[in-house]
N, C-alpha and C. Protein backbone atom coordinates (compact mmCIF):
# COMPACT_ATOMS: atom_id res chain seq x y z
N MET A 1 88.57 148.58 112.15
CA MET A 1 88.35 147.19 111.76
C MET A 1 86.85 146.88 111.71
N LYS A 2 86.10 147.36 112.75
CA LYS A 2 84.67 147.11 112.78
C LYS A 2 83.99 147.77 111.60
N PHE A 3 84.42 149.00 111.26
CA PHE A 3 83.84 149.70 110.12
C PHE A 3 84.07 148.92 108.84
N ARG A 4 85.31 148.40 108.69
CA ARG A 4 85.63 147.63 107.48
C ARG A 4 84.80 146.37 107.38
N LEU A 5 84.60 145.69 108.52
CA LEU A 5 83.80 144.47 108.52
C LEU A 5 82.36 144.79 108.15
N ASN A 6 81.80 145.86 108.75
CA ASN A 6 80.43 146.24 108.42
C ASN A 6 80.30 146.62 106.95
N LEU A 7 81.31 147.31 106.44
CA LEU A 7 81.30 147.68 105.03
C LEU A 7 81.36 146.44 104.15
N ALA A 8 82.20 145.49 104.56
CA ALA A 8 82.33 144.25 103.77
C ALA A 8 81.03 143.47 103.77
N VAL A 9 80.35 143.42 104.94
CA VAL A 9 79.07 142.72 105.01
C VAL A 9 78.05 143.40 104.11
N ALA A 10 78.04 144.73 104.12
CA ALA A 10 77.12 145.47 103.26
C ALA A 10 77.41 145.20 101.79
N MET A 11 78.70 145.15 101.44
CA MET A 11 79.08 144.85 100.06
C MET A 11 78.67 143.44 99.68
N LEU A 12 78.83 142.50 100.62
CA LEU A 12 78.42 141.12 100.37
C LEU A 12 76.93 141.07 100.07
N ALA A 13 76.14 141.76 100.90
CA ALA A 13 74.70 141.75 100.70
C ALA A 13 74.32 142.31 99.34
N ALA A 14 74.94 143.44 98.99
CA ALA A 14 74.63 144.08 97.71
C ALA A 14 75.03 143.22 96.53
N CYS A 15 76.21 142.61 96.61
CA CYS A 15 76.71 141.81 95.49
C CYS A 15 75.93 140.52 95.33
N VAL A 16 75.61 139.85 96.44
CA VAL A 16 74.84 138.62 96.34
C VAL A 16 73.46 138.91 95.79
N LEU A 17 72.84 140.01 96.26
CA LEU A 17 71.53 140.38 95.75
C LEU A 17 71.60 140.68 94.26
N ALA A 18 72.65 141.37 93.83
CA ALA A 18 72.80 141.70 92.41
C ALA A 18 72.94 140.45 91.57
N VAL A 19 73.76 139.52 92.03
CA VAL A 19 73.95 138.27 91.29
C VAL A 19 72.65 137.49 91.21
N THR A 20 71.90 137.47 92.32
CA THR A 20 70.63 136.76 92.36
C THR A 20 69.63 137.36 91.38
N LEU A 21 69.53 138.69 91.37
CA LEU A 21 68.60 139.36 90.47
C LEU A 21 68.97 139.16 89.02
N LEU A 22 70.26 139.19 88.73
CA LEU A 22 70.71 138.98 87.36
C LEU A 22 70.42 137.57 86.89
N ALA A 23 70.50 136.61 87.80
CA ALA A 23 70.26 135.22 87.42
C ALA A 23 68.79 134.97 87.13
N GLY A 24 67.89 135.75 87.79
CA GLY A 24 66.47 135.58 87.54
C GLY A 24 65.85 134.58 88.49
N ALA A 25 64.57 134.75 88.78
CA ALA A 25 63.89 133.88 89.72
C ALA A 25 63.46 132.59 89.04
N SER A 26 63.53 131.48 89.77
CA SER A 26 63.18 130.19 89.19
C SER A 26 61.67 130.00 89.13
N GLY A 27 60.93 130.58 90.10
CA GLY A 27 59.49 130.46 90.08
C GLY A 27 58.98 129.09 90.47
N ALA A 28 59.85 128.18 90.86
CA ALA A 28 59.45 126.81 91.19
C ALA A 28 59.32 126.66 92.70
N ALA A 29 58.40 125.81 93.11
CA ALA A 29 58.22 125.55 94.53
C ALA A 29 59.00 124.32 94.93
N ALA A 30 59.35 124.22 96.20
CA ALA A 30 60.08 123.05 96.69
C ALA A 30 59.47 122.63 98.01
N GLN A 31 59.41 121.35 98.24
CA GLN A 31 58.85 120.83 99.47
C GLN A 31 59.88 120.89 100.58
N THR A 32 59.46 121.40 101.72
CA THR A 32 60.35 121.46 102.88
C THR A 32 60.32 120.13 103.62
N SER A 33 61.49 119.67 104.04
CA SER A 33 61.55 118.41 104.76
C SER A 33 60.82 118.52 106.09
N PRO A 34 60.00 117.51 106.43
CA PRO A 34 59.31 117.55 107.72
C PRO A 34 60.24 117.23 108.89
N ARG A 35 61.44 116.74 108.60
CA ARG A 35 62.37 116.39 109.66
C ARG A 35 63.19 117.61 110.06
N PRO A 36 63.39 117.84 111.35
CA PRO A 36 64.25 118.96 111.76
C PRO A 36 65.69 118.69 111.37
N PRO A 37 66.50 119.74 111.20
CA PRO A 37 67.88 119.55 110.74
C PRO A 37 68.79 118.85 111.74
N TRP A 38 68.32 118.64 112.96
CA TRP A 38 69.14 117.90 113.92
C TRP A 38 68.67 116.43 114.00
N ALA A 39 67.76 116.05 113.11
CA ALA A 39 67.30 114.66 113.07
C ALA A 39 68.38 113.78 112.47
N SER A 40 68.11 112.47 112.48
CA SER A 40 69.06 111.55 111.87
C SER A 40 69.25 111.92 110.41
N PRO A 41 70.48 111.88 109.92
CA PRO A 41 70.74 112.25 108.53
C PRO A 41 70.16 111.22 107.58
N PRO A 42 70.00 111.57 106.32
CA PRO A 42 69.45 110.62 105.35
C PRO A 42 70.36 109.41 105.19
N VAL A 43 69.77 108.27 104.94
CA VAL A 43 70.55 107.05 104.72
C VAL A 43 71.21 107.14 103.35
N THR A 44 72.52 106.99 103.31
CA THR A 44 73.24 107.14 102.06
C THR A 44 73.93 105.85 101.63
N ALA A 45 73.63 104.75 102.29
CA ALA A 45 74.21 103.46 101.90
C ALA A 45 73.17 102.37 102.05
N SER A 46 73.19 101.42 101.13
CA SER A 46 72.25 100.31 101.17
C SER A 46 72.74 99.26 102.17
N LYS A 47 71.79 98.54 102.76
CA LYS A 47 72.13 97.50 103.73
C LYS A 47 72.95 96.41 103.04
N GLY A 48 74.06 96.03 103.66
CA GLY A 48 74.90 94.99 103.10
C GLY A 48 75.87 95.47 102.04
N GLN A 49 75.80 96.75 101.71
CA GLN A 49 76.68 97.31 100.69
C GLN A 49 78.12 97.41 101.21
N THR A 50 79.08 97.06 100.36
CA THR A 50 80.49 97.24 100.72
C THR A 50 80.81 98.73 100.66
N LEU A 51 81.25 99.27 101.77
CA LEU A 51 81.44 100.71 101.86
C LEU A 51 82.83 101.12 101.38
N PRO A 52 82.92 102.24 100.66
CA PRO A 52 84.24 102.78 100.32
C PRO A 52 84.89 103.35 101.56
N THR A 53 86.19 103.52 101.53
CA THR A 53 86.90 104.09 102.68
C THR A 53 86.76 105.60 102.67
N ARG A 54 87.09 106.21 103.79
CA ARG A 54 87.08 107.67 103.86
C ARG A 54 88.12 108.26 102.92
N ALA A 55 89.27 107.58 102.81
CA ALA A 55 90.33 108.08 101.94
C ALA A 55 89.93 108.03 100.47
N GLN A 56 88.95 107.20 100.14
CA GLN A 56 88.46 107.12 98.76
C GLN A 56 87.38 108.15 98.48
N THR A 57 86.96 108.85 99.53
CA THR A 57 85.87 109.82 99.41
C THR A 57 86.44 111.22 99.21
N HIS A 58 86.13 111.83 98.08
CA HIS A 58 86.64 113.16 97.76
C HIS A 58 85.55 114.20 98.01
N VAL A 59 85.85 115.15 98.88
CA VAL A 59 84.91 116.20 99.25
C VAL A 59 85.41 117.54 98.72
N TYR A 60 84.57 118.21 97.94
CA TYR A 60 84.91 119.52 97.38
C TYR A 60 84.01 120.56 98.03
N LEU A 61 84.61 121.59 98.63
CA LEU A 61 83.84 122.64 99.30
C LEU A 61 84.05 123.96 98.58
N LEU A 62 82.96 124.70 98.37
CA LEU A 62 83.01 125.96 97.63
C LEU A 62 82.53 127.12 98.49
N ARG A 63 83.40 128.11 98.66
CA ARG A 63 83.06 129.30 99.45
C ARG A 63 82.17 130.24 98.63
N GLY A 64 81.57 131.20 99.34
CA GLY A 64 80.74 132.20 98.70
C GLY A 64 81.54 133.41 98.26
N LEU A 65 80.84 134.50 98.03
CA LEU A 65 81.42 135.74 97.51
C LEU A 65 82.56 136.24 98.40
N PHE A 66 83.63 136.70 97.76
CA PHE A 66 84.84 137.21 98.43
C PHE A 66 85.67 136.12 99.08
N GLY A 67 85.05 134.99 99.44
CA GLY A 67 85.79 133.89 100.05
C GLY A 67 86.14 134.09 101.51
N VAL A 68 85.69 135.20 102.11
CA VAL A 68 86.08 135.49 103.50
C VAL A 68 84.95 135.25 104.49
N PHE A 69 83.72 135.11 104.01
CA PHE A 69 82.59 134.94 104.92
C PHE A 69 82.24 133.47 105.13
N SER A 70 82.59 132.62 104.18
CA SER A 70 82.24 131.20 104.26
C SER A 70 83.24 130.42 105.11
N THR A 71 83.47 130.91 106.32
CA THR A 71 84.47 130.27 107.19
C THR A 71 84.05 128.87 107.59
N GLY A 72 82.75 128.60 107.54
CA GLY A 72 82.27 127.27 107.87
C GLY A 72 82.79 126.21 106.91
N MET A 73 83.05 126.60 105.66
CA MET A 73 83.60 125.65 104.70
C MET A 73 85.00 125.22 105.10
N ASP A 74 85.77 126.16 105.63
CA ASP A 74 87.14 125.85 106.05
C ASP A 74 87.15 124.98 107.30
N SER A 75 86.30 125.32 108.27
CA SER A 75 86.29 124.54 109.51
C SER A 75 85.73 123.14 109.27
N LEU A 76 84.75 123.02 108.39
CA LEU A 76 84.21 121.70 108.07
C LEU A 76 85.25 120.86 107.35
N ALA A 77 85.97 121.47 106.41
CA ALA A 77 87.03 120.74 105.69
C ALA A 77 88.09 120.25 106.66
N LYS A 78 88.47 121.10 107.60
CA LYS A 78 89.50 120.72 108.58
C LYS A 78 89.05 119.52 109.41
N GLU A 79 87.78 119.52 109.81
CA GLU A 79 87.28 118.41 110.62
C GLU A 79 87.20 117.13 109.79
N LEU A 80 86.79 117.26 108.53
CA LEU A 80 86.69 116.07 107.68
C LEU A 80 88.06 115.48 107.39
N VAL A 81 89.05 116.34 107.17
CA VAL A 81 90.41 115.86 106.94
C VAL A 81 90.91 115.10 108.17
N SER A 82 90.58 115.61 109.36
CA SER A 82 91.02 114.94 110.59
C SER A 82 90.39 113.56 110.74
N ARG A 83 89.29 113.34 110.03
CA ARG A 83 88.60 112.05 110.08
C ARG A 83 89.00 111.14 108.92
N GLY A 84 89.90 111.63 108.06
CA GLY A 84 90.42 110.77 107.00
C GLY A 84 89.86 110.99 105.63
N TYR A 85 88.98 111.99 105.45
CA TYR A 85 88.43 112.28 104.14
C TYR A 85 89.39 113.17 103.34
N VAL A 86 89.32 113.07 102.03
CA VAL A 86 90.12 113.93 101.15
C VAL A 86 89.29 115.17 100.84
N CYS A 87 89.75 116.34 101.26
CA CYS A 87 88.97 117.57 101.12
C CYS A 87 89.77 118.66 100.43
N GLU A 88 89.09 119.45 99.61
CA GLU A 88 89.68 120.62 98.97
C GLU A 88 88.67 121.76 99.01
N VAL A 89 89.15 122.97 99.30
CA VAL A 89 88.28 124.13 99.39
C VAL A 89 88.58 125.08 98.23
N TYR A 90 87.52 125.55 97.56
CA TYR A 90 87.65 126.44 96.41
C TYR A 90 86.75 127.66 96.58
N GLY A 91 86.97 128.68 95.77
CA GLY A 91 86.05 129.80 95.69
C GLY A 91 84.89 129.44 94.77
N TRP A 92 83.79 130.15 94.91
CA TRP A 92 82.61 129.86 94.08
C TRP A 92 82.91 130.02 92.60
N ASP A 93 83.84 130.94 92.29
CA ASP A 93 84.18 131.20 90.89
C ASP A 93 85.22 130.22 90.35
N GLU A 94 85.55 129.20 91.13
CA GLU A 94 86.48 128.17 90.68
C GLU A 94 85.75 126.85 90.39
N ALA A 95 84.47 126.96 90.11
CA ALA A 95 83.68 125.76 89.84
C ALA A 95 84.25 124.96 88.68
N GLU A 96 84.74 125.65 87.65
CA GLU A 96 85.31 124.94 86.50
C GLU A 96 86.54 124.12 86.90
N LYS A 97 87.30 124.63 87.86
CA LYS A 97 88.46 123.87 88.36
C LYS A 97 88.00 122.59 89.06
N VAL A 98 86.93 122.71 89.82
CA VAL A 98 86.40 121.54 90.52
C VAL A 98 85.91 120.51 89.51
N ILE A 99 85.19 120.99 88.50
CA ILE A 99 84.69 120.09 87.46
C ILE A 99 85.84 119.37 86.77
N ALA A 100 86.88 120.12 86.42
CA ALA A 100 88.05 119.53 85.75
C ALA A 100 88.74 118.52 86.66
N GLN A 101 88.81 118.83 87.95
CA GLN A 101 89.47 117.93 88.90
C GLN A 101 88.68 116.62 89.03
N ILE A 102 87.38 116.72 89.14
CA ILE A 102 86.55 115.52 89.25
C ILE A 102 86.65 114.68 87.98
N ASP A 103 86.57 115.34 86.82
CA ASP A 103 86.70 114.63 85.54
C ASP A 103 88.04 113.93 85.43
N SER A 104 89.11 114.64 85.79
CA SER A 104 90.46 114.09 85.68
C SER A 104 90.64 112.88 86.58
N ARG A 105 90.17 112.99 87.82
CA ARG A 105 90.30 111.87 88.75
C ARG A 105 89.44 110.68 88.33
N HIS A 106 88.29 110.96 87.78
CA HIS A 106 87.44 109.88 87.27
C HIS A 106 88.13 109.15 86.12
N ASP A 107 88.72 109.91 85.21
CA ASP A 107 89.43 109.32 84.07
C ASP A 107 90.64 108.50 84.54
N ALA A 108 91.21 108.91 85.68
CA ALA A 108 92.38 108.21 86.22
C ALA A 108 91.99 106.98 87.04
N GLY A 109 90.69 106.74 87.18
CA GLY A 109 90.26 105.53 87.86
C GLY A 109 89.60 105.70 89.21
N HIS A 110 89.37 106.95 89.65
CA HIS A 110 88.71 107.14 90.94
C HIS A 110 87.26 106.69 90.86
N THR A 111 86.87 105.80 91.74
CA THR A 111 85.49 105.31 91.77
C THR A 111 84.82 105.54 93.12
N GLY A 112 85.53 106.21 94.03
CA GLY A 112 84.96 106.49 95.34
C GLY A 112 83.92 107.59 95.28
N PRO A 113 83.24 107.84 96.39
CA PRO A 113 82.19 108.86 96.42
C PRO A 113 82.72 110.27 96.13
N VAL A 114 81.92 111.02 95.39
CA VAL A 114 82.18 112.43 95.15
C VAL A 114 81.15 113.22 95.96
N VAL A 115 81.61 114.15 96.77
CA VAL A 115 80.74 114.95 97.62
C VAL A 115 81.04 116.42 97.34
N VAL A 116 79.99 117.23 97.14
CA VAL A 116 80.18 118.65 96.84
C VAL A 116 79.33 119.46 97.81
N ILE A 117 79.96 120.42 98.48
CA ILE A 117 79.32 121.23 99.52
C ILE A 117 79.63 122.70 99.25
N GLY A 118 78.65 123.59 99.45
CA GLY A 118 78.92 125.00 99.20
C GLY A 118 78.01 125.93 99.97
N HIS A 119 78.46 127.18 100.08
CA HIS A 119 77.71 128.23 100.79
C HIS A 119 77.48 129.42 99.87
N SER A 120 76.26 129.96 99.88
CA SER A 120 75.93 131.17 99.14
C SER A 120 76.15 130.96 97.63
N LEU A 121 76.96 131.80 97.01
CA LEU A 121 77.25 131.59 95.59
C LEU A 121 77.97 130.26 95.38
N GLY A 122 78.70 129.82 96.40
CA GLY A 122 79.33 128.50 96.34
C GLY A 122 78.30 127.40 96.36
N ALA A 123 77.14 127.65 96.98
CA ALA A 123 76.05 126.68 96.97
C ALA A 123 75.46 126.57 95.56
N ASN A 124 75.29 127.72 94.90
CA ASN A 124 74.85 127.68 93.51
C ASN A 124 75.81 126.85 92.67
N ALA A 125 77.11 127.02 92.95
CA ALA A 125 78.15 126.33 92.19
C ALA A 125 78.12 124.82 92.42
N VAL A 126 77.61 124.38 93.57
CA VAL A 126 77.49 122.94 93.84
C VAL A 126 76.66 122.28 92.74
N ILE A 127 75.54 122.91 92.41
CA ILE A 127 74.65 122.34 91.39
C ILE A 127 75.27 122.48 90.01
N GLN A 128 76.00 123.56 89.78
CA GLN A 128 76.73 123.72 88.52
C GLN A 128 77.71 122.57 88.32
N VAL A 129 78.45 122.25 89.37
CA VAL A 129 79.43 121.17 89.31
C VAL A 129 78.73 119.83 89.06
N ALA A 130 77.68 119.55 89.83
CA ALA A 130 76.97 118.28 89.68
C ALA A 130 76.39 118.12 88.29
N THR A 131 75.85 119.20 87.74
CA THR A 131 75.27 119.15 86.40
C THR A 131 76.34 118.88 85.35
N ALA A 132 77.49 119.51 85.51
CA ALA A 132 78.58 119.33 84.55
C ALA A 132 79.12 117.91 84.56
N VAL A 133 79.32 117.34 85.74
CA VAL A 133 79.87 115.98 85.79
C VAL A 133 78.82 114.94 85.42
N ASP A 134 77.55 115.31 85.50
CA ASP A 134 76.49 114.41 85.05
C ASP A 134 76.65 114.11 83.57
N ALA A 135 77.13 115.10 82.82
CA ALA A 135 77.35 114.91 81.38
C ALA A 135 78.42 113.86 81.11
N GLN A 136 79.29 113.61 82.11
CA GLN A 136 80.33 112.59 81.99
C GLN A 136 79.93 111.29 82.70
N ALA A 137 78.65 111.22 83.09
CA ALA A 137 78.11 110.04 83.78
C ALA A 137 78.83 109.77 85.10
N ILE A 138 79.24 110.85 85.78
CA ILE A 138 79.90 110.72 87.09
C ILE A 138 78.86 110.98 88.18
N PRO A 139 78.63 110.03 89.07
CA PRO A 139 77.65 110.25 90.13
C PRO A 139 78.19 111.13 91.25
N VAL A 140 77.30 111.85 91.90
CA VAL A 140 77.63 112.62 93.10
C VAL A 140 76.87 111.97 94.25
N ALA A 141 77.60 111.44 95.21
CA ALA A 141 76.97 110.71 96.31
C ALA A 141 76.18 111.63 97.23
N LEU A 142 76.72 112.83 97.47
CA LEU A 142 76.08 113.76 98.39
C LEU A 142 76.36 115.19 97.98
N GLY A 143 75.31 115.98 97.88
CA GLY A 143 75.44 117.42 97.65
C GLY A 143 74.80 118.16 98.81
N VAL A 144 75.49 119.19 99.31
CA VAL A 144 74.95 119.96 100.43
C VAL A 144 75.10 121.45 100.12
N THR A 145 74.03 122.20 100.30
CA THR A 145 74.09 123.64 100.08
C THR A 145 73.62 124.40 101.31
N PHE A 146 74.29 125.51 101.57
CA PHE A 146 73.92 126.43 102.64
C PHE A 146 73.52 127.76 102.01
N ASP A 147 72.24 128.09 102.08
CA ASP A 147 71.74 129.38 101.59
C ASP A 147 72.10 129.64 100.13
N ALA A 148 71.78 128.69 99.27
CA ALA A 148 71.95 128.93 97.83
C ALA A 148 71.08 130.11 97.42
N THR A 149 71.63 131.04 96.65
CA THR A 149 70.90 132.26 96.31
C THR A 149 70.06 132.14 95.05
N GLU A 150 70.49 131.33 94.11
CA GLU A 150 69.76 131.12 92.87
C GLU A 150 70.07 129.72 92.36
N PRO A 151 69.59 128.70 93.06
CA PRO A 151 69.94 127.33 92.69
C PRO A 151 69.24 126.84 91.44
N ALA A 152 69.99 126.23 90.56
CA ALA A 152 69.41 125.52 89.43
C ALA A 152 68.84 124.20 89.94
N PRO A 153 68.06 123.50 89.14
CA PRO A 153 67.52 122.21 89.58
C PRO A 153 68.63 121.19 89.83
N VAL A 154 68.46 120.37 90.84
CA VAL A 154 69.42 119.32 91.15
C VAL A 154 69.35 118.25 90.06
N PRO A 155 70.48 117.89 89.45
CA PRO A 155 70.46 116.87 88.39
C PRO A 155 70.28 115.47 88.96
N ASP A 156 69.93 114.53 88.08
CA ASP A 156 69.58 113.20 88.57
C ASP A 156 70.76 112.31 88.91
N ASN A 157 72.00 112.82 88.76
CA ASN A 157 73.17 112.02 89.17
C ASN A 157 73.52 112.20 90.64
N VAL A 158 72.80 113.08 91.34
CA VAL A 158 73.05 113.31 92.77
C VAL A 158 72.17 112.37 93.58
N GLU A 159 72.79 111.50 94.35
CA GLU A 159 72.04 110.49 95.10
C GLU A 159 71.27 111.10 96.27
N VAL A 160 71.93 111.96 97.04
CA VAL A 160 71.28 112.64 98.17
C VAL A 160 71.67 114.11 98.12
N PHE A 161 70.68 114.99 98.24
CA PHE A 161 70.95 116.43 98.22
C PHE A 161 70.26 117.06 99.42
N VAL A 162 71.02 117.84 100.19
CA VAL A 162 70.51 118.50 101.39
C VAL A 162 70.74 120.00 101.27
N ASN A 163 69.68 120.77 101.50
CA ASN A 163 69.76 122.23 101.40
C ASN A 163 69.32 122.87 102.71
N PHE A 164 70.23 123.61 103.35
CA PHE A 164 69.91 124.41 104.53
C PHE A 164 69.70 125.85 104.05
N TRP A 165 68.55 126.45 104.35
CA TRP A 165 68.31 127.80 103.84
C TRP A 165 67.43 128.59 104.81
N ALA A 166 67.49 129.91 104.64
CA ALA A 166 66.66 130.80 105.45
C ALA A 166 66.25 131.99 104.60
N LYS A 167 64.96 132.25 104.51
CA LYS A 167 64.49 133.34 103.66
C LYS A 167 64.83 134.71 104.22
N ASP A 168 65.19 134.79 105.51
CA ASP A 168 65.61 136.07 106.06
C ASP A 168 67.06 136.37 105.71
N GLY A 169 67.70 135.43 105.05
CA GLY A 169 69.04 135.68 104.49
C GLY A 169 68.87 135.87 103.00
N PHE A 170 69.61 135.10 102.21
CA PHE A 170 69.45 135.16 100.77
C PHE A 170 69.03 133.80 100.21
N GLY A 171 68.78 132.86 101.10
CA GLY A 171 68.57 131.49 100.67
C GLY A 171 67.22 131.23 100.03
N ARG A 172 67.18 130.14 99.29
CA ARG A 172 65.96 129.69 98.65
C ARG A 172 65.87 128.17 98.75
N PRO A 173 64.66 127.63 98.68
CA PRO A 173 64.55 126.17 98.62
C PRO A 173 65.07 125.67 97.28
N VAL A 174 65.46 124.42 97.26
CA VAL A 174 66.02 123.82 96.05
C VAL A 174 65.02 122.83 95.47
N VAL A 175 64.95 122.79 94.16
CA VAL A 175 64.12 121.81 93.46
C VAL A 175 65.03 120.91 92.64
N ALA A 176 64.48 119.81 92.16
CA ALA A 176 65.25 118.88 91.34
C ALA A 176 64.64 118.80 89.95
N VAL A 177 65.38 118.21 89.04
CA VAL A 177 64.87 118.01 87.68
C VAL A 177 63.67 117.06 87.73
N PRO A 178 62.77 117.14 86.76
CA PRO A 178 61.63 116.21 86.73
C PRO A 178 62.10 114.76 86.72
N GLY A 179 61.44 113.93 87.51
CA GLY A 179 61.78 112.53 87.57
C GLY A 179 63.02 112.22 88.38
N TYR A 180 63.46 113.18 89.18
CA TYR A 180 64.66 112.99 90.00
C TYR A 180 64.53 111.74 90.86
N PRO A 181 65.48 110.80 90.76
CA PRO A 181 65.36 109.54 91.49
C PRO A 181 65.99 109.54 92.88
N GLY A 182 66.68 110.62 93.23
CA GLY A 182 67.40 110.66 94.50
C GLY A 182 66.57 111.17 95.65
N GLN A 183 67.24 111.54 96.73
CA GLN A 183 66.59 112.04 97.93
C GLN A 183 66.95 113.51 98.12
N LEU A 184 65.94 114.37 98.19
CA LEU A 184 66.14 115.80 98.34
C LEU A 184 65.54 116.27 99.65
N GLU A 185 66.36 116.96 100.46
CA GLU A 185 65.91 117.50 101.75
C GLU A 185 66.11 119.01 101.75
N ASN A 186 65.04 119.76 102.04
CA ASN A 186 65.11 121.20 102.21
C ASN A 186 64.80 121.54 103.66
N TYR A 187 65.73 122.20 104.35
CA TYR A 187 65.51 122.60 105.73
C TYR A 187 65.35 124.11 105.80
N ASP A 188 64.11 124.55 106.06
CA ASP A 188 63.81 125.97 106.17
C ASP A 188 64.13 126.44 107.59
N LEU A 189 65.17 127.26 107.72
CA LEU A 189 65.63 127.74 109.01
C LEU A 189 65.26 129.21 109.23
N SER A 190 64.31 129.70 108.45
CA SER A 190 63.89 131.09 108.55
C SER A 190 63.41 131.41 109.97
N GLY A 191 63.93 132.48 110.52
CA GLY A 191 63.50 132.92 111.84
C GLY A 191 64.17 132.22 113.00
N VAL A 192 65.04 131.25 112.73
CA VAL A 192 65.74 130.57 113.82
C VAL A 192 66.79 131.53 114.39
N PRO A 193 66.78 131.80 115.68
CA PRO A 193 67.75 132.75 116.27
C PRO A 193 69.19 132.34 115.99
N GLY A 194 69.99 133.33 115.64
CA GLY A 194 71.42 133.11 115.44
C GLY A 194 71.80 132.64 114.05
N ILE A 195 70.80 132.41 113.19
CA ILE A 195 71.09 131.93 111.84
C ILE A 195 70.81 133.03 110.83
N ASP A 196 71.84 133.41 110.09
CA ASP A 196 71.67 134.34 108.99
C ASP A 196 72.60 133.90 107.86
N HIS A 197 72.68 134.72 106.84
CA HIS A 197 73.42 134.29 105.64
C HIS A 197 74.91 134.07 105.91
N THR A 198 75.47 134.82 106.84
CA THR A 198 76.91 134.70 107.09
C THR A 198 77.25 133.70 108.19
N SER A 199 76.23 133.15 108.86
CA SER A 199 76.52 132.19 109.94
C SER A 199 76.01 130.79 109.65
N ILE A 200 75.09 130.66 108.70
CA ILE A 200 74.41 129.39 108.49
C ILE A 200 75.36 128.24 108.16
N ASP A 201 76.47 128.55 107.48
CA ASP A 201 77.40 127.49 107.08
C ASP A 201 78.36 127.10 108.21
N SER A 202 78.32 127.85 109.31
CA SER A 202 79.27 127.60 110.40
C SER A 202 78.66 126.86 111.59
N MET A 203 77.36 126.58 111.53
CA MET A 203 76.68 125.98 112.67
C MET A 203 77.11 124.53 112.86
N ASP A 204 77.60 124.22 114.05
CA ASP A 204 78.18 122.90 114.30
C ASP A 204 77.16 121.77 114.13
N GLN A 205 75.89 122.02 114.50
CA GLN A 205 74.92 120.94 114.38
C GLN A 205 74.72 120.51 112.94
N PHE A 206 74.90 121.44 112.00
CA PHE A 206 74.76 121.09 110.59
C PHE A 206 76.02 120.38 110.09
N HIS A 207 77.17 120.79 110.62
CA HIS A 207 78.41 120.08 110.28
C HIS A 207 78.33 118.63 110.75
N GLN A 208 77.80 118.43 111.95
CA GLN A 208 77.69 117.07 112.48
C GLN A 208 76.71 116.24 111.66
N TYR A 209 75.68 116.88 111.16
CA TYR A 209 74.72 116.22 110.27
C TYR A 209 75.43 115.72 109.01
N ILE A 210 76.28 116.58 108.43
CA ILE A 210 77.03 116.20 107.23
C ILE A 210 78.00 115.07 107.53
N ILE A 211 78.69 115.19 108.65
CA ILE A 211 79.66 114.15 109.04
C ILE A 211 78.94 112.81 109.23
N ALA A 212 77.79 112.83 109.89
CA ALA A 212 77.03 111.59 110.09
C ALA A 212 76.57 111.01 108.76
N SER A 213 76.18 111.87 107.82
CA SER A 213 75.78 111.41 106.49
C SER A 213 76.95 110.72 105.80
N LEU A 214 78.13 111.34 105.88
CA LEU A 214 79.31 110.76 105.25
C LEU A 214 79.70 109.44 105.91
N GLU A 215 79.62 109.40 107.22
CA GLU A 215 80.02 108.18 107.93
C GLU A 215 79.06 107.03 107.67
N SER A 216 77.82 107.35 107.28
CA SER A 216 76.87 106.29 106.96
C SER A 216 77.15 105.66 105.60
N MET A 217 77.95 106.34 104.78
CA MET A 217 78.22 105.80 103.44
C MET A 217 79.68 105.42 103.24
N THR A 218 80.48 105.52 104.30
CA THR A 218 81.90 105.16 104.18
C THR A 218 82.33 104.26 105.33
N GLY A 219 83.40 103.50 105.08
CA GLY A 219 84.02 102.73 106.15
C GLY A 219 85.15 103.55 106.75
N ASN A 220 86.04 102.92 107.46
CA ASN A 220 87.15 103.64 108.09
C ASN A 220 88.27 103.91 107.08
């Protein structure tokens, strides 16, 4: 079993690296947030704003390669469901399904917050999803990525975007499109003990950060 796990990790590293190299380097710089990742989360609601309910908030989570290493996406979804949020977990290669689901629900009258979270290749897919729904004028209230390997620029329909990354894994900082009006946070966790590409999405302090962000923009 240990041999198989080590082999799987090695395959993950090789495949993620291959996908990253094929995608090409962005060459763009990104500013790292001066706030530590355990600081207060970004404000996602205006003062006096009528808040949507948790049940009106749809959270889409995207796993990375193979779907077996991004266990943090599953545990985060389980905790969010227990708090009343609507959550669905997909593979990174199911981004088109997520896009279709968001479009369909929007056409059916859903006006609550859309939240997209992903790890590794699933993190890359977060921006793919946000960019696609931007074409339909659908806003994304919150986007969160863990160790995105080749992130495209964050589109301007994302109100708040948070990226946790570590250069000792496969992660990269995230940039936004020119004139981006939202709030972008990059947390460089390079060299932090216990954090690598396969664990970064499972850290409870980051899950609590996301939960606090969601609770700041939703009612009960």
